[in-house]
Amino acid sequence: MSVLLTEIRGHVAYLTMNRPQVRNALSPELMVRLARAWPELGADDRVRAVIVTGAGDKAFCVGADLGRLIPLLSGARAPEDEWDREIIERPEVIEQAMLKNIGFFKPVIAAVNGFCVAGGMELMLACDLRVAAADASFGLQEVKWGIAPLGGGVSRLPRQMPWCRAMEVLLTGNRFDAQEASRLGLINYVVPGEQLMAKAEELAAAIAENGPLAVRAIKEGALRCAGTTLEEAFAIELALRPIIENSEDAREGPRAFMEKRKPVFKGR
């Protein structure tokens, strides 16, 4: 079985990190496969939303494989296979796997089961919507092992919650439960474990019914507007407007409304 399972059902893609025996730790192979998967899904017109989860019920992902990935990056072990060599020869692979600097504008939903810590939580922070099982737990624990959460933790977390709480999470490395994650605004929904995928699929289905060009423009605009001045944000919105206004979908939506039927969007 592959360390990353990919499936497309209708307009929803499922990415399942499949190393349950090590709580879905990020090995070199898993990082490479994630980095390859994002642009493939981005280019696939069938896909309008993506659900990311971890195999089994013990963990979403516990972060970097401390026996494989970290020793490779630190030079403690030499490359042994094609996955190791790609990580060393193309260090940007790690950034791409964590959805950094690749312009992925389709919505991503995290379905978090069990442990979501270190690089696993960083991957969750890259997702747009998040559903957690009631027994899920979170933390950026790298600092406890002399490592820094530089896979998106330092950059993303303080933008997604109050500064002092973010710094507590980053600097102590302490874990917290799903209810606290919800209170902090990091999780959309906390549900019983058996309802986890159903809730994630409910959100994905709602997104997939909407105009795909509009959905992508909303995500792209939100990402590009973050951290800008209001005037700069207005300019970004103005640049995105023709993509929507000149589309077939923009004509279909109002027409379907007037005809009292569901719109049939084609993403063009």
C-alpha atoms as a PDB file:
ATOM      1  CA  MET A   1       0.000   0.000   0.000  1.00  0.00           C
ATOM      2  CA  SER A   2       1.174   3.499  -0.800  1.00  0.00           C
ATOM      3  CA  VAL A   3       2.115   5.803   2.061  1.00  0.00           C
ATOM      4  CA  LEU A   4      -0.340   8.318   0.531  1.00  0.00           C
ATOM      5  CA  LEU A   5      -3.721   7.147  -0.684  1.00  0.00           C
ATOM      6  CA  THR A   6      -5.447   9.327  -3.265  1.00  0.00           C
ATOM      7  CA  GLU A   7      -9.071   8.905  -4.303  1.00  0.00           C
ATOM      8  CA  ILE A   8     -11.496  11.124  -6.184  1.00  0.00           C
ATOM      9  CA  ARG A   9     -15.222  10.716  -5.626  1.00  0.00           C
ATOM     10  CA  GLY A  10     -17.356  13.077  -7.649  1.00  0.00           C
ATOM     11  CA  HIS A  11     -15.823  16.514  -7.141  1.00  0.00           C
ATOM     12  CA  VAL A  12     -14.033  15.689  -3.871  1.00  0.00           C
ATOM     13  CA  ALA A  13     -10.492  14.347  -3.584  1.00  0.00           C
ATOM     14  CA  TYR A  14      -9.364  12.363  -0.546  1.00  0.00           C
ATOM     15  CA  LEU A  15      -5.729  12.350   0.579  1.00  0.00           C
ATOM     16  CA  THR A  16      -5.014   9.821   3.321  1.00  0.00           C
ATOM     17  CA  MET A  17      -1.611   9.699   4.969  1.00  0.00           C
ATOM     18  CA  ASN A  18      -1.164   5.955   5.249  1.00  0.00           C
ATOM     19  CA  ARG A  19       1.496   5.074   7.818  1.00  0.00           C
ATOM     20  CA  PRO A  20      -0.747   4.125  10.768  1.00  0.00           C
ATOM     21  CA  GLN A  21       1.936   1.886  12.283  1.00  0.00           C
ATOM     22  CA  VAL A  22       3.982   5.045  13.042  1.00  0.00           C
ATOM     23  CA  ARG A  23       0.987   7.341  13.535  1.00  0.00           C
ATOM     24  CA  ASN A  24       1.302   8.691   9.991  1.00  0.00           C
ATOM     25  CA  ALA A  25       4.703  10.275  10.621  1.00  0.00           C
ATOM     26  CA  LEU A  26       6.081  12.224   7.669  1.00  0.00           C
ATOM     27  CA  SER A  27       8.774  10.130   6.018  1.00  0.00           C
ATOM     28  CA  PRO A  28      10.771  11.335   3.003  1.00  0.00           C
ATOM     29  CA  GLU A  29       8.524   9.285   0.712  1.00  0.00           C
ATOM     30  CA  LEU A  30       5.330  10.697   2.231  1.00  0.00           C
ATOM     31  CA  MET A  31       6.660  14.247   1.903  1.00  0.00           C
ATOM     32  CA  VAL A  32       7.562  13.714  -1.756  1.00  0.00           C
ATOM     33  CA  ARG A  33       4.207  12.151  -2.529  1.00  0.00           C
ATOM     34  CA  LEU A  34       2.338  15.019  -0.832  1.00  0.00           C
ATOM     35  CA  ALA A  35       4.398  17.547  -2.789  1.00  0.00           C
ATOM     36  CA  ARG A  36       3.462  15.780  -6.017  1.00  0.00           C
ATOM     37  CA  ALA A  37      -0.196  15.371  -5.120  1.00  0.00           C
ATOM     38  CA  TRP A  38      -1.064  19.046  -4.636  1.00  0.00           C
ATOM     39  CA  PRO A  39      -0.263  20.267  -8.173  1.00  0.00           C
ATOM     40  CA  GLU A  40      -1.896  17.166  -9.657  1.00  0.00           C
ATOM     41  CA  LEU A  41      -5.121  17.856  -7.778  1.00  0.00           C
ATOM     42  CA  GLY A  42      -4.862  21.545  -8.579  1.00  0.00           C
ATOM     43  CA  ALA A  43      -4.763  20.753 -12.297  1.00  0.00           C
ATOM     44  CA  ASP A  44      -7.599  18.202 -12.179  1.00  0.00           C
ATOM     45  CA  ASP A  45     -10.833  19.914 -13.212  1.00  0.00           C
ATOM     46  CA  ARG A  46     -12.894  17.211 -11.495  1.00  0.00           C
ATOM     47  CA  VAL A  47     -11.613  18.277  -8.076  1.00  0.00           C
ATOM     48  CA  ARG A  48     -13.380  21.151  -6.328  1.00  0.00           C
ATOM     49  CA  ALA A  49     -12.422  20.344  -2.722  1.00  0.00           C
ATOM     50  CA  VAL A  50      -9.887  18.141  -0.950  1.00  0.00           C
ATOM     51  CA  ILE A  51     -10.201  16.235   2.328  1.00  0.00           C
ATOM     52  CA  VAL A  52      -6.942  15.370   4.099  1.00  0.00           C
ATOM     53  CA  THR A  53      -6.856  12.786   6.872  1.00  0.00           C
ATOM     54  CA  GLY A  54      -4.726  10.111   8.477  1.00  0.00           C
ATOM     55  CA  ALA A  55      -5.203   6.346   8.319  1.00  0.00           C
ATOM     56  CA  GLY A  56      -6.420   4.635  11.467  1.00  0.00           C
ATOM     57  CA  ASP A  57      -7.953   6.221  14.536  1.00  0.00           C
ATOM     58  CA  LYS A  58      -4.771   6.947  16.513  1.00  0.00           C
ATOM     59  CA  ALA A  59      -3.378   9.925  14.613  1.00  0.00           C
ATOM     60  CA  PHE A  60      -3.947  12.458  11.885  1.00  0.00           C
ATOM     61  CA  CYS A  61      -0.177  12.918  11.750  1.00  0.00           C
ATOM     62  CA  VAL A  62       2.512  13.197  14.433  1.00  0.00           C
ATOM     63  CA  GLY A  63       4.854  15.237  12.250  1.00  0.00           C
ATOM     64  CA  ALA A  64       8.272  14.426  10.890  1.00  0.00           C
ATOM     65  CA  ASP A  65       9.538  10.882  11.202  1.00  0.00           C
ATOM     66  CA  LEU A  66      12.273  11.367  13.808  1.00  0.00           C
ATOM     67  CA  GLY A  67      13.996   8.183  12.691  1.00  0.00           C
ATOM     68  CA  ARG A  68      13.946   8.870   8.946  1.00  0.00           C
ATOM     69  CA  LEU A  69      13.289  12.476   7.909  1.00  0.00           C
ATOM     70  CA  ILE A  70      15.020  14.500  10.620  1.00  0.00           C
ATOM     71  CA  PRO A  71      18.284  12.480  10.586  1.00  0.00           C
ATOM     72  CA  LEU A  72      18.347  12.869   6.806  1.00  0.00           C
ATOM     73  CA  LEU A  73      17.912  16.642   7.006  1.00  0.00           C
ATOM     74  CA  SER A  74      20.465  17.033   9.795  1.00  0.00           C
ATOM     75  CA  GLY A  75      23.061  14.924   8.000  1.00  0.00           C
ATOM     76  CA  ALA A  76      22.963  12.209  10.652  1.00  0.00           C
ATOM     77  CA  ARG A  77      22.252   9.642   7.945  1.00  0.00           C
ATOM     78  CA  ALA A  78      23.059   9.504   4.246  1.00  0.00           C
ATOM     79  CA  PRO A  79      20.394   9.224   1.522  1.00  0.00           C
ATOM     80  CA  GLU A  80      19.397   5.606   1.001  1.00  0.00           C
ATOM     81  CA  ASP A  81      16.746   5.611  -1.740  1.00  0.00           C
ATOM     82  CA  GLU A  82      15.068   7.755  -4.399  1.00  0.00           C
ATOM     83  CA  TRP A  83      12.835   9.517  -1.841  1.00  0.00           C
ATOM     84  CA  ASP A  84      15.793  10.502   0.322  1.00  0.00           C
ATOM     85  CA  ARG A  85      17.696  11.762  -2.699  1.00  0.00           C
ATOM     86  CA  GLU A  86      14.782  13.884  -3.909  1.00  0.00           C
ATOM     87  CA  ILE A  87      14.473  15.510  -0.491  1.00  0.00           C
ATOM     88  CA  ILE A  88      18.192  16.363  -0.486  1.00  0.00           C
ATOM     89  CA  GLU A  89      18.387  17.450  -4.126  1.00  0.00           C
ATOM     90  CA  ARG A  90      15.120  19.413  -4.051  1.00  0.00           C
ATOM     91  CA  PRO A  91      14.686  20.898  -0.552  1.00  0.00           C
ATOM     92  CA  GLU A  92      11.660  22.849  -1.802  1.00  0.00           C
ATOM     93  CA  VAL A  93       9.769  19.539  -1.738  1.00  0.00           C
ATOM     94  CA  ILE A  94       9.222  19.946   2.004  1.00  0.00           C
ATOM     95  CA  GLU A  95       7.745  23.417   1.497  1.00  0.00           C
ATOM     96  CA  GLN A  96       5.475  22.152  -1.264  1.00  0.00           C
ATOM     97  CA  ALA A  97       4.267  19.191   0.803  1.00  0.00           C
ATOM     98  CA  MET A  98       3.169  21.629   3.507  1.00  0.00           C
ATOM     99  CA  LEU A  99       1.285  23.828   1.011  1.00  0.00           C
ATOM    100  CA  LYS A 100       3.808  26.646   1.126  1.00  0.00           C
ATOM    101  CA  ASN A 101       4.425  28.877  -1.893  1.00  0.00           C
ATOM    102  CA  ILE A 102       2.624  26.681  -4.430  1.00  0.00           C
ATOM    103  CA  GLY A 103      -0.555  28.684  -5.076  1.00  0.00           C
ATOM    104  CA  PHE A 104      -3.027  25.901  -4.297  1.00  0.00           C
ATOM    105  CA  PHE A 105      -6.399  27.641  -4.431  1.00  0.00           C
ATOM    106  CA  LYS A 106      -8.835  24.766  -4.067  1.00  0.00           C
ATOM    107  CA  PRO A 107     -10.303  24.448  -0.559  1.00  0.00           C
ATOM    108  CA  VAL A 108      -8.690  21.868   1.711  1.00  0.00           C
ATOM    109  CA  ILE A 109     -10.523  20.320   4.666  1.00  0.00           C
ATOM    110  CA  ALA A 110      -8.635  18.569   7.462  1.00  0.00           C
ATOM    111  CA  ALA A 111     -10.397  15.601   9.087  1.00  0.00           C
ATOM    112  CA  VAL A 112      -8.373  15.267  12.281  1.00  0.00           C
ATOM    113  CA  ASN A 113      -8.382  11.981  14.131  1.00  0.00           C
ATOM    114  CA  GLY A 114      -6.188  11.378  17.189  1.00  0.00           C
ATOM    115  CA  PHE A 115      -2.799  13.049  17.475  1.00  0.00           C
ATOM    116  CA  CYS A 116      -2.286  16.163  15.345  1.00  0.00           C
ATOM    117  CA  VAL A 117       1.080  17.432  16.467  1.00  0.00           C
ATOM    118  CA  ALA A 118       4.280  18.993  15.142  1.00  0.00           C
ATOM    119  CA  GLY A 119       4.313  18.790  11.323  1.00  0.00           C
ATOM    120  CA  GLY A 120       0.857  17.225  11.433  1.00  0.00           C
ATOM    121  CA  MET A 121      -0.544  20.339  13.071  1.00  0.00           C
ATOM    122  CA  GLU A 122       1.405  22.501  10.625  1.00  0.00           C
ATOM    123  CA  LEU A 123      -0.293  20.678   7.751  1.00  0.00           C
ATOM    124  CA  MET A 124      -3.645  21.230   9.460  1.00  0.00           C
ATOM    125  CA  LEU A 125      -2.860  24.955   9.743  1.00  0.00           C
ATOM    126  CA  ALA A 126      -2.486  25.013   5.948  1.00  0.00           C
ATOM    127  CA  CYS A 127      -6.044  23.696   5.542  1.00  0.00           C
ATOM    128  CA  ASP A 128      -8.982  26.039   5.113  1.00  0.00           C
ATOM    129  CA  LEU A 129     -11.572  24.173   7.172  1.00  0.00           C
ATOM    130  CA  ARG A 130     -10.964  21.706  10.010  1.00  0.00           C
ATOM    131  CA  VAL A 131     -13.076  19.046  11.641  1.00  0.00           C
ATOM    132  CA  ALA A 132     -11.733  17.180  14.668  1.00  0.00           C
ATOM    133  CA  ALA A 133     -12.772  14.020  16.450  1.00  0.00           C
ATOM    134  CA  ALA A 134     -13.587  14.667  20.103  1.00  0.00           C
ATOM    135  CA  ASP A 135     -10.484  12.746  21.221  1.00  0.00           C
ATOM    136  CA  ALA A 136      -8.072  14.592  18.937  1.00  0.00           C
ATOM    137  CA  SER A 137      -5.147  16.439  20.489  1.00  0.00           C
ATOM    138  CA  PHE A 138      -2.920  19.174  19.137  1.00  0.00           C
ATOM    139  CA  GLY A 139       0.489  20.682  19.716  1.00  0.00           C
ATOM    140  CA  LEU A 140       3.631  22.061  18.122  1.00  0.00           C
ATOM    141  CA  GLN A 141       6.056  19.993  20.169  1.00  0.00           C
ATOM    142  CA  GLU A 142       9.199  20.481  18.085  1.00  0.00           C
ATOM    143  CA  VAL A 143      10.745  22.799  20.664  1.00  0.00           C
ATOM    144  CA  LYS A 144      10.824  19.928  23.181  1.00  0.00           C
ATOM    145  CA  TRP A 145      13.226  18.061  20.889  1.00  0.00           C
ATOM    146  CA  GLY A 146      15.439  21.003  19.991  1.00  0.00           C
ATOM    147  CA  ILE A 147      13.654  21.611  16.677  1.00  0.00           C
ATOM    148  CA  ALA A 148      11.613  24.608  15.532  1.00  0.00           C
ATOM    149  CA  PRO A 149       8.193  24.339  13.825  1.00  0.00           C
ATOM    150  CA  LEU A 150       9.309  25.923  10.573  1.00  0.00           C
ATOM    151  CA  GLY A 151       6.935  23.986   8.324  1.00  0.00           C
ATOM    152  CA  GLY A 152       4.305  26.678   8.701  1.00  0.00           C
ATOM    153  CA  GLY A 153       3.848  26.720  12.472  1.00  0.00           C
ATOM    154  CA  VAL A 154       5.808  29.890  13.178  1.00  0.00           C
ATOM    155  CA  SER A 155       4.353  31.724  10.174  1.00  0.00           C
ATOM    156  CA  ARG A 156       0.737  30.566  10.267  1.00  0.00           C
ATOM    157  CA  LEU A 157      -0.226  30.057  13.903  1.00  0.00           C
ATOM    158  CA  PRO A 158       0.132  33.712  15.074  1.00  0.00           C
ATOM    159  CA  ARG A 159      -2.055  34.748  12.120  1.00  0.00           C
ATOM    160  CA  GLN A 160      -4.814  32.349  13.123  1.00  0.00           C
ATOM    161  CA  MET A 161      -5.164  33.010  16.865  1.00  0.00           C
ATOM    162  CA  PRO A 162      -4.264  35.661  19.476  1.00  0.00           C
ATOM    163  CA  TRP A 163      -0.527  36.368  19.712  1.00  0.00           C
ATOM    164  CA  CYS A 164      -0.053  35.412  23.364  1.00  0.00           C
ATOM    165  CA  ARG A 165      -1.874  32.105  22.959  1.00  0.00           C
ATOM    166  CA  ALA A 166       0.057  31.312  19.794  1.00  0.00           C
ATOM    167  CA  MET A 167       3.349  31.997  21.512  1.00  0.00           C
ATOM    168  CA  GLU A 168       2.346  29.766  24.425  1.00  0.00           C
ATOM    169  CA  VAL A 169       1.675  26.912  21.997  1.00  0.00           C
ATOM    170  CA  LEU A 170       4.925  27.522  20.112  1.00  0.00           C
ATOM    171  CA  LEU A 171       7.255  28.087  23.074  1.00  0.00           C
ATOM    172  CA  THR A 172       6.013  25.484  25.558  1.00  0.00           C
ATOM    173  CA  GLY A 173       5.300  22.679  23.122  1.00  0.00           C
ATOM    174  CA  ASN A 174       2.389  21.619  25.337  1.00  0.00           C
ATOM    175  CA  ARG A 175      -0.481  19.668  23.835  1.00  0.00           C
ATOM    176  CA  PHE A 176      -4.154  20.684  24.087  1.00  0.00           C
ATOM    177  CA  ASP A 177      -7.425  18.938  23.335  1.00  0.00           C
ATOM    178  CA  ALA A 178     -10.001  19.395  20.603  1.00  0.00           C
ATOM    179  CA  GLN A 179     -12.323  21.452  22.792  1.00  0.00           C
ATOM    180  CA  GLU A 180      -9.524  23.937  23.510  1.00  0.00           C
ATOM    181  CA  ALA A 181      -8.599  24.012  19.818  1.00  0.00           C
ATOM    182  CA  SER A 182     -12.212  24.914  19.069  1.00  0.00           C
ATOM    183  CA  ARG A 183     -12.216  27.672  21.701  1.00  0.00           C
ATOM    184  CA  LEU A 184      -9.054  29.077  20.139  1.00  0.00           C
ATOM    185  CA  GLY A 185     -10.724  29.191  16.733  1.00  0.00           C
ATOM    186  CA  LEU A 186      -8.438  26.577  15.157  1.00  0.00           C
ATOM    187  CA  ILE A 187     -11.231  24.046  14.536  1.00  0.00           C
ATOM    188  CA  ASN A 188     -14.598  24.504  12.823  1.00  0.00           C
ATOM    189  CA  TYR A 189     -16.307  21.483  14.364  1.00  0.00           C
ATOM    190  CA  VAL A 190     -15.618  18.902  17.073  1.00  0.00           C
ATOM    191  CA  VAL A 191     -17.599  15.698  16.514  1.00  0.00           C
ATOM    192  CA  PRO A 192     -17.657  12.110  17.789  1.00  0.00           C
ATOM    193  CA  GLY A 193     -15.013  10.032  16.033  1.00  0.00           C
ATOM    194  CA  GLU A 194     -17.533   7.999  14.068  1.00  0.00           C
ATOM    195  CA  GLN A 195     -18.961  11.216  12.564  1.00  0.00           C
ATOM    196  CA  LEU A 196     -15.610  12.725  11.545  1.00  0.00           C
ATOM    197  CA  MET A 197     -15.563  11.887   7.844  1.00  0.00           C
ATOM    198  CA  ALA A 198     -19.288  12.473   7.444  1.00  0.00           C
ATOM    199  CA  LYS A 199     -18.908  16.061   8.703  1.00  0.00           C
ATOM    200  CA  ALA A 200     -15.846  16.683   6.520  1.00  0.00           C
ATOM    201  CA  GLU A 201     -17.729  15.289   3.525  1.00  0.00           C
ATOM    202  CA  GLU A 202     -20.738  17.480   4.320  1.00  0.00           C
ATOM    203  CA  LEU A 203     -18.522  20.574   4.139  1.00  0.00           C
ATOM    204  CA  ALA A 204     -16.764  19.350   0.986  1.00  0.00           C
ATOM    205  CA  ALA A 205     -20.095  18.648  -0.713  1.00  0.00           C
ATOM    206  CA  ALA A 206     -21.406  22.116   0.130  1.00  0.00           C
ATOM    207  CA  ILE A 207     -18.275  23.677  -1.371  1.00  0.00           C
ATOM    208  CA  ALA A 208     -18.342  21.428  -4.441  1.00  0.00           C
ATOM    209  CA  GLU A 209     -21.892  22.553  -5.268  1.00  0.00           C
ATOM    210  CA  ASN A 210     -20.752  26.164  -5.572  1.00  0.00           C
ATOM    211  CA  GLY A 211     -19.190  27.791  -8.598  1.00  0.00           C
ATOM    212  CA  PRO A 212     -15.620  26.415  -8.754  1.00  0.00           C
ATOM    213  CA  LEU A 213     -14.163  29.580 -10.291  1.00  0.00           C
ATOM    214  CA  ALA A 214     -15.751  31.665  -7.554  1.00  0.00           C
ATOM    215  CA  VAL A 215     -14.512  29.283  -4.849  1.00  0.00           C
ATOM    216  CA  ARG A 216     -10.939  29.436  -6.137  1.00  0.00           C
ATOM    217  CA  ALA A 217     -11.076  33.223  -6.492  1.00  0.00           C
ATOM    218  CA  ILE A 218     -12.302  33.537  -2.897  1.00  0.00           C
ATOM    219  CA  LYS A 219      -9.460  31.407  -1.540  1.00  0.00           C
ATOM    220  CA  GLU A 220      -6.834  33.071  -3.729  1.00  0.00           C
ATOM    221  CA  GLY A 221      -8.112  36.513  -2.785  1.00  0.00           C
ATOM    222  CA  ALA A 222      -8.193  35.727   0.926  1.00  0.00           C
ATOM    223  CA  LEU A 223      -4.625  34.385   0.866  1.00  0.00           C
ATOM    224  CA  ARG A 224      -3.245  37.227  -1.218  1.00  0.00           C
ATOM    225  CA  CYS A 225      -5.075  39.907   0.768  1.00  0.00           C
ATOM    226  CA  ALA A 226      -3.781  38.657   4.120  1.00  0.00           C
ATOM    227  CA  GLY A 227      -1.267  41.119   5.554  1.00  0.00           C
ATOM    228  CA  THR A 228      -1.858  43.783   2.914  1.00  0.00           C
ATOM    229  CA  THR A 229      -3.212  47.293   3.324  1.00  0.00           C
ATOM    230  CA  LEU A 230      -6.895  47.816   2.555  1.00  0.00           C
ATOM    231  CA  GLU A 231      -5.989  49.603  -0.687  1.00  0.00           C
ATOM    232  CA  GLU A 232      -3.758  46.709  -1.764  1.00  0.00           C
ATOM    233  CA  ALA A 233      -6.526  44.242  -0.917  1.00  0.00           C
ATOM    234  CA  PHE A 234      -9.002  46.210  -3.037  1.00  0.00           C
ATOM    235  CA  ALA A 235      -6.558  46.011  -5.963  1.00  0.00           C
ATOM    236  CA  ILE A 236      -6.310  42.238  -5.582  1.00  0.00           C
ATOM    237  CA  GLU A 237     -10.098  41.930  -5.608  1.00  0.00           C
ATOM    238  CA  LEU A 238     -10.254  44.139  -8.706  1.00  0.00           C
ATOM    239  CA  ALA A 239      -7.725  41.922 -10.503  1.00  0.00           C
ATOM    240  CA  LEU A 240      -9.735  38.797  -9.707  1.00  0.00           C
ATOM    241  CA  ARG A 241     -13.079  40.246 -10.752  1.00  0.00           C
ATOM    242  CA  PRO A 242     -12.767  39.656 -14.554  1.00  0.00           C
ATOM    243  CA  ILE A 243     -12.067  35.950 -13.972  1.00  0.00           C
ATOM    244  CA  ILE A 244     -15.518  35.652 -12.437  1.00  0.00           C
ATOM    245  CA  GLU A 245     -17.514  38.226 -14.383  1.00  0.00           C
ATOM    246  CA  ASN A 246     -16.410  36.893 -17.783  1.00  0.00           C
ATOM    247  CA  SER A 247     -17.146  33.242 -16.976  1.00  0.00           C
ATOM    248  CA  GLU A 248     -19.945  30.970 -18.146  1.00  0.00           C
ATOM    249  CA  ASP A 249     -20.584  30.115 -14.500  1.00  0.00           C
ATOM    250  CA  ALA A 250     -21.354  33.763 -13.713  1.00  0.00           C
ATOM    251  CA  ARG A 251     -24.094  33.660 -16.343  1.00  0.00           C
ATOM    252  CA  GLU A 252     -25.372  30.237 -15.294  1.00  0.00           C
ATOM    253  CA  GLY A 253     -25.769  31.094 -11.596  1.00  0.00           C
ATOM    254  CA  PRO A 254     -28.204  34.025 -11.948  1.00  0.00           C
ATOM    255  CA  ARG A 255     -30.031  32.220 -14.774  1.00  0.00           C
ATOM    256  CA  ALA A 256     -30.567  29.162 -12.561  1.00  0.00           C
ATOM    257  CA  PHE A 257     -31.794  31.397  -9.739  1.00  0.00           C
ATOM    258  CA  MET A 258     -34.381  33.035 -12.010  1.00  0.00           C
ATOM    259  CA  GLU A 259     -35.457  29.639 -13.347  1.00  0.00           C
ATOM    260  CA  LYS A 260     -35.738  28.246  -9.787  1.00  0.00           C
ATOM    261  CA  ARG A 261     -33.329  25.344 -10.349  1.00  0.00           C
ATOM    262  CA  LYS A 262     -29.912  24.265  -9.169  1.00  0.00           C
ATOM    263  CA  PRO A 263     -27.098  25.759 -11.255  1.00  0.00           C
ATOM    264  CA  VAL A 264     -24.908  23.493 -13.347  1.00  0.00           C
ATOM    265  CA  PHE A 265     -21.419  24.907 -12.994  1.00  0.00           C
ATOM    266  CA  LYS A 266     -18.655  23.906 -15.397  1.00  0.00           C
ATOM    267  CA  GLY A 267     -15.724  25.835 -13.944  1.00  0.00           C
ATOM    268  CA  ARG A 268     -15.302  28.062 -16.966  1.00  0.00           C
END
